[in-house]
Amino acid sequence: MTFISWFGTMPYSVITVGVVALMFLIFRYRKEALFTLLTLSAGVVSTVTKMLINRPRPAKDLVRIIEVTKQQSFPSGHTLFYTVFFGFLIIVMGKLKSVNYYLRIIVISFSAAMVLLIPFSRIYLGAHWFTDVLGGAMLGVLCLLILGYFYLPKKDVG
């Protein structure tokens, strides 16, 4: 569970996004590189929401805490970030038919696994309540919808 949460921990989240954006840039996918960098905006959304809600983390007298964290609890920043970042990778791999089929399947499978496992990881580690990861997922979906709206091509209507 600690490994699953690793990608969402600073500075590893920024490094992961940077490496993926650089890979897109190297292979001349400039738009994908830019939008991958924009997934970091999930951190801003998370931090601002945490400051506004100011909900405390689970206490050690109520749950077993494996990972000690510093910021407020709601929403789960890891869940929000994974939903946006790994969700965006799923969208990109679905769109870029020029990328090797097997590589696309691997990236989609890994990304989907991370999005599905992160809420369980955060609760297991004692870092969040269920409602924290639910809120993080909901905010993440909202951010991903906005990102996808601007990333995906618009179909001609009429």
C-alpha atoms as a PDB file:
ATOM      1  CA  MET A   1       0.000   0.000   0.000  1.00  0.00           C
ATOM      2  CA  THR A   2       2.932   2.327   0.637  1.00  0.00           C
ATOM      3  CA  PHE A   3       4.207   1.700  -2.906  1.00  0.00           C
ATOM      4  CA  ILE A   4       0.806   2.526  -4.375  1.00  0.00           C
ATOM      5  CA  SER A   5       0.837   5.888  -2.578  1.00  0.00           C
ATOM      6  CA  TRP A   6       4.452   6.616  -3.579  1.00  0.00           C
ATOM      7  CA  PHE A   7       3.568   8.262  -6.920  1.00  0.00           C
ATOM      8  CA  GLY A   8       1.422  10.861  -5.154  1.00  0.00           C
ATOM      9  CA  THR A   9       4.007  11.904  -2.574  1.00  0.00           C
ATOM     10  CA  MET A  10       6.074  15.049  -3.053  1.00  0.00           C
ATOM     11  CA  PRO A  11       8.498  15.344  -4.813  1.00  0.00           C
ATOM     12  CA  TYR A  12       7.833  12.037  -6.606  1.00  0.00           C
ATOM     13  CA  SER A  13       4.513  13.211  -8.050  1.00  0.00           C
ATOM     14  CA  VAL A  14       6.168  16.202  -9.710  1.00  0.00           C
ATOM     15  CA  ILE A  15       9.068  14.048 -10.940  1.00  0.00           C
ATOM     16  CA  THR A  16       6.650  11.448 -12.360  1.00  0.00           C
ATOM     17  CA  VAL A  17       4.637  14.105 -14.198  1.00  0.00           C
ATOM     18  CA  GLY A  18       7.856  15.732 -15.454  1.00  0.00           C
ATOM     19  CA  VAL A  19       9.281  12.453 -16.757  1.00  0.00           C
ATOM     20  CA  VAL A  20       6.037  11.529 -18.537  1.00  0.00           C
ATOM     21  CA  ALA A  21       5.754  15.029 -20.048  1.00  0.00           C
ATOM     22  CA  LEU A  22       9.390  14.802 -21.183  1.00  0.00           C
ATOM     23  CA  MET A  23       8.707  11.417 -22.798  1.00  0.00           C
ATOM     24  CA  PHE A  24       5.781  12.907 -24.715  1.00  0.00           C
ATOM     25  CA  LEU A  25       7.986  15.822 -25.770  1.00  0.00           C
ATOM     26  CA  ILE A  26      10.816  13.536 -26.926  1.00  0.00           C
ATOM     27  CA  PHE A  27       8.364  11.638 -29.144  1.00  0.00           C
ATOM     28  CA  ARG A  28       6.951  14.933 -30.482  1.00  0.00           C
ATOM     29  CA  TYR A  29       3.627  14.864 -28.676  1.00  0.00           C
ATOM     30  CA  ARG A  30       3.766  18.507 -27.586  1.00  0.00           C
ATOM     31  CA  LYS A  31       0.086  18.897 -26.771  1.00  0.00           C
ATOM     32  CA  GLU A  32       0.185  15.763 -24.601  1.00  0.00           C
ATOM     33  CA  ALA A  33       3.309  17.025 -22.825  1.00  0.00           C
ATOM     34  CA  LEU A  34       1.621  20.343 -22.019  1.00  0.00           C
ATOM     35  CA  PHE A  35      -1.584  18.731 -20.777  1.00  0.00           C
ATOM     36  CA  THR A  36       0.400  16.222 -18.709  1.00  0.00           C
ATOM     37  CA  LEU A  37       2.054  19.167 -16.954  1.00  0.00           C
ATOM     38  CA  LEU A  38      -1.406  20.665 -16.396  1.00  0.00           C
ATOM     39  CA  THR A  39      -2.343  17.597 -14.314  1.00  0.00           C
ATOM     40  CA  LEU A  40      -0.204  19.158 -11.580  1.00  0.00           C
ATOM     41  CA  SER A  41      -3.031  21.669 -11.124  1.00  0.00           C
ATOM     42  CA  ALA A  42      -4.719  18.906  -9.106  1.00  0.00           C
ATOM     43  CA  GLY A  43      -2.289  19.818  -6.320  1.00  0.00           C
ATOM     44  CA  VAL A  44      -3.530  23.406  -6.313  1.00  0.00           C
ATOM     45  CA  VAL A  45      -7.163  22.270  -6.233  1.00  0.00           C
ATOM     46  CA  SER A  46      -6.344  19.887  -3.375  1.00  0.00           C
ATOM     47  CA  THR A  47      -4.434  22.443  -1.307  1.00  0.00           C
ATOM     48  CA  VAL A  48      -7.041  25.187  -1.679  1.00  0.00           C
ATOM     49  CA  THR A  49      -9.879  22.800  -0.820  1.00  0.00           C
ATOM     50  CA  LYS A  50      -7.960  21.455   2.200  1.00  0.00           C
ATOM     51  CA  MET A  51      -7.479  25.008   3.488  1.00  0.00           C
ATOM     52  CA  LEU A  52     -11.165  25.848   2.993  1.00  0.00           C
ATOM     53  CA  ILE A  53     -12.533  22.666   4.599  1.00  0.00           C
ATOM     54  CA  ASN A  54      -9.795  22.279   7.261  1.00  0.00           C
ATOM     55  CA  ARG A  55     -10.821  18.748   8.258  1.00  0.00           C
ATOM     56  CA  PRO A  56      -8.415  16.934  10.619  1.00  0.00           C
ATOM     57  CA  ARG A  57      -6.779  13.620   9.717  1.00  0.00           C
ATOM     58  CA  PRO A  58      -7.832  10.374  11.397  1.00  0.00           C
ATOM     59  CA  ALA A  59      -6.453  10.266  14.950  1.00  0.00           C
ATOM     60  CA  LYS A  60      -4.220   7.451  16.199  1.00  0.00           C
ATOM     61  CA  ASP A  61      -6.674   6.650  18.990  1.00  0.00           C
ATOM     62  CA  LEU A  62      -9.345   5.881  16.328  1.00  0.00           C
ATOM     63  CA  VAL A  63      -7.379   4.151  13.559  1.00  0.00           C
ATOM     64  CA  ARG A  64      -4.002   2.515  13.011  1.00  0.00           C
ATOM     65  CA  ILE A  65      -1.778   5.113  11.356  1.00  0.00           C
ATOM     66  CA  ILE A  66       1.011   3.774   9.165  1.00  0.00           C
ATOM     67  CA  GLU A  67       1.723   6.984   7.252  1.00  0.00           C
ATOM     68  CA  VAL A  68       1.949  10.219   9.197  1.00  0.00           C
ATOM     69  CA  THR A  69       0.870  13.205   7.089  1.00  0.00           C
ATOM     70  CA  LYS A  70       0.916  16.953   7.639  1.00  0.00           C
ATOM     71  CA  GLN A  71      -1.848  18.638   5.634  1.00  0.00           C
ATOM     72  CA  GLN A  72      -5.550  18.524   6.372  1.00  0.00           C
ATOM     73  CA  SER A  73      -7.603  15.465   5.477  1.00  0.00           C
ATOM     74  CA  PHE A  74     -10.314  16.506   3.005  1.00  0.00           C
ATOM     75  CA  PRO A  75     -10.010  15.875   0.102  1.00  0.00           C
ATOM     76  CA  SER A  76      -7.468  13.114  -0.404  1.00  0.00           C
ATOM     77  CA  GLY A  77      -4.818  14.808  -2.516  1.00  0.00           C
ATOM     78  CA  HIS A  78      -3.412  11.456  -3.627  1.00  0.00           C
ATOM     79  CA  THR A  79      -6.815  10.296  -4.877  1.00  0.00           C
ATOM     80  CA  LEU A  80      -7.452  13.615  -6.622  1.00  0.00           C
ATOM     81  CA  PHE A  81      -4.020  13.590  -8.286  1.00  0.00           C
ATOM     82  CA  TYR A  82      -4.217   9.931  -9.363  1.00  0.00           C
ATOM     83  CA  THR A  83      -7.669  10.465 -10.852  1.00  0.00           C
ATOM     84  CA  VAL A  84      -6.415  13.442 -12.876  1.00  0.00           C
ATOM     85  CA  PHE A  85      -2.917  12.232 -13.838  1.00  0.00           C
ATOM     86  CA  PHE A  86      -3.523   8.530 -14.421  1.00  0.00           C
ATOM     87  CA  GLY A  87      -7.000   9.250 -15.783  1.00  0.00           C
ATOM     88  CA  PHE A  88      -5.451  11.620 -18.298  1.00  0.00           C
ATOM     89  CA  LEU A  89      -2.938   8.944 -19.342  1.00  0.00           C
ATOM     90  CA  ILE A  90      -5.866   6.603 -20.022  1.00  0.00           C
ATOM     91  CA  ILE A  91      -7.488   9.268 -22.207  1.00  0.00           C
ATOM     92  CA  VAL A  92      -4.232   9.921 -24.084  1.00  0.00           C
ATOM     93  CA  MET A  93      -3.525   6.237 -24.696  1.00  0.00           C
ATOM     94  CA  GLY A  94      -7.073   5.826 -25.990  1.00  0.00           C
ATOM     95  CA  LYS A  95      -6.563   8.689 -28.414  1.00  0.00           C
ATOM     96  CA  LEU A  96      -3.006   8.104 -29.680  1.00  0.00           C
ATOM     97  CA  LYS A  97      -3.416   5.180 -32.057  1.00  0.00           C
ATOM     98  CA  SER A  98       0.134   5.795 -33.354  1.00  0.00           C
ATOM     99  CA  VAL A  99       1.583   4.518 -30.051  1.00  0.00           C
ATOM    100  CA  ASN A 100       2.341   0.789 -29.973  1.00  0.00           C
ATOM    101  CA  TYR A 101      -0.801  -1.176 -29.088  1.00  0.00           C
ATOM    102  CA  TYR A 102       0.851  -3.243 -26.338  1.00  0.00           C
ATOM    103  CA  LEU A 103       2.420  -0.178 -24.737  1.00  0.00           C
ATOM    104  CA  ARG A 104      -0.983   1.510 -24.739  1.00  0.00           C
ATOM    105  CA  ILE A 105      -2.566  -1.527 -23.041  1.00  0.00           C
ATOM    106  CA  ILE A 106       0.179  -1.605 -20.396  1.00  0.00           C
ATOM    107  CA  VAL A 107      -0.159   2.122 -19.645  1.00  0.00           C
ATOM    108  CA  ILE A 108      -3.959   1.944 -19.539  1.00  0.00           C
ATOM    109  CA  SER A 109      -3.915  -1.135 -17.272  1.00  0.00           C
ATOM    110  CA  PHE A 110      -1.346   0.318 -14.880  1.00  0.00           C
ATOM    111  CA  SER A 111      -3.115   3.677 -14.780  1.00  0.00           C
ATOM    112  CA  ALA A 112      -6.521   2.116 -14.145  1.00  0.00           C
ATOM    113  CA  ALA A 113      -5.043  -0.032 -11.364  1.00  0.00           C
ATOM    114  CA  MET A 114      -3.519   3.044  -9.705  1.00  0.00           C
ATOM    115  CA  VAL A 115      -6.795   5.002  -9.862  1.00  0.00           C
ATOM    116  CA  LEU A 116      -8.725   2.058  -8.401  1.00  0.00           C
ATOM    117  CA  LEU A 117      -6.188   1.152  -5.685  1.00  0.00           C
ATOM    118  CA  ILE A 118      -5.234   4.584  -4.326  1.00  0.00           C
ATOM    119  CA  PRO A 119      -8.407   5.109  -2.242  1.00  0.00           C
ATOM    120  CA  PHE A 120      -7.848   1.760  -0.493  1.00  0.00           C
ATOM    121  CA  SER A 121      -4.176   2.602   0.038  1.00  0.00           C
ATOM    122  CA  ARG A 122      -4.919   5.963   1.673  1.00  0.00           C
ATOM    123  CA  ILE A 123      -7.519   4.468   4.029  1.00  0.00           C
ATOM    124  CA  TYR A 124      -5.329   1.440   4.852  1.00  0.00           C
ATOM    125  CA  LEU A 125      -2.378   3.688   5.694  1.00  0.00           C
ATOM    126  CA  GLY A 126      -4.594   5.638   8.111  1.00  0.00           C
ATOM    127  CA  ALA A 127      -4.139   8.883   6.201  1.00  0.00           C
ATOM    128  CA  HIS A 128      -7.794   9.418   5.260  1.00  0.00           C
ATOM    129  CA  TRP A 129     -11.404   8.692   5.992  1.00  0.00           C
ATOM    130  CA  PHE A 130     -13.620   7.120   3.302  1.00  0.00           C
ATOM    131  CA  THR A 131     -15.283  10.467   2.630  1.00  0.00           C
ATOM    132  CA  ASP A 132     -11.855  12.057   2.041  1.00  0.00           C
ATOM    133  CA  VAL A 133     -11.025   9.642  -0.779  1.00  0.00           C
ATOM    134  CA  LEU A 134     -14.571   9.908  -2.151  1.00  0.00           C
ATOM    135  CA  GLY A 135     -14.263  13.704  -2.237  1.00  0.00           C
ATOM    136  CA  GLY A 136     -10.815  13.446  -3.830  1.00  0.00           C
ATOM    137  CA  ALA A 137     -12.171  11.129  -6.513  1.00  0.00           C
ATOM    138  CA  MET A 138     -15.138  13.405  -7.226  1.00  0.00           C
ATOM    139  CA  LEU A 139     -12.959  16.518  -7.478  1.00  0.00           C
ATOM    140  CA  GLY A 140     -10.492  14.533  -9.593  1.00  0.00           C
ATOM    141  CA  VAL A 141     -13.217  13.505 -12.035  1.00  0.00           C
ATOM    142  CA  LEU A 142     -14.337  17.139 -12.288  1.00  0.00           C
ATOM    143  CA  CYS A 143     -10.761  18.296 -12.999  1.00  0.00           C
ATOM    144  CA  LEU A 144     -10.275  15.453 -15.494  1.00  0.00           C
ATOM    145  CA  LEU A 145     -13.486  16.389 -17.314  1.00  0.00           C
ATOM    146  CA  ILE A 146     -12.253  19.973 -17.653  1.00  0.00           C
ATOM    147  CA  LEU A 147      -8.807  18.828 -18.827  1.00  0.00           C
ATOM    148  CA  GLY A 148     -10.360  16.350 -21.266  1.00  0.00           C
ATOM    149  CA  TYR A 149     -12.717  18.995 -22.618  1.00  0.00           C
ATOM    150  CA  PHE A 150      -9.797  21.175 -23.679  1.00  0.00           C
ATOM    151  CA  TYR A 151      -7.547  18.279 -24.756  1.00  0.00           C
ATOM    152  CA  LEU A 152      -9.893  16.216 -26.902  1.00  0.00           C
ATOM    153  CA  PRO A 153     -10.815  17.470 -30.382  1.00  0.00           C
ATOM    154  CA  LYS A 154     -14.262  18.999 -30.825  1.00  0.00           C
ATOM    155  CA  LYS A 155     -16.571  17.251 -33.263  1.00  0.00           C
ATOM    156  CA  ASP A 156     -18.220  19.409 -35.931  1.00  0.00           C
ATOM    157  CA  VAL A 157     -21.890  19.775 -35.117  1.00  0.00           C
ATOM    158  CA  GLY A 158     -24.453  20.372 -37.862  1.00  0.00           C
END
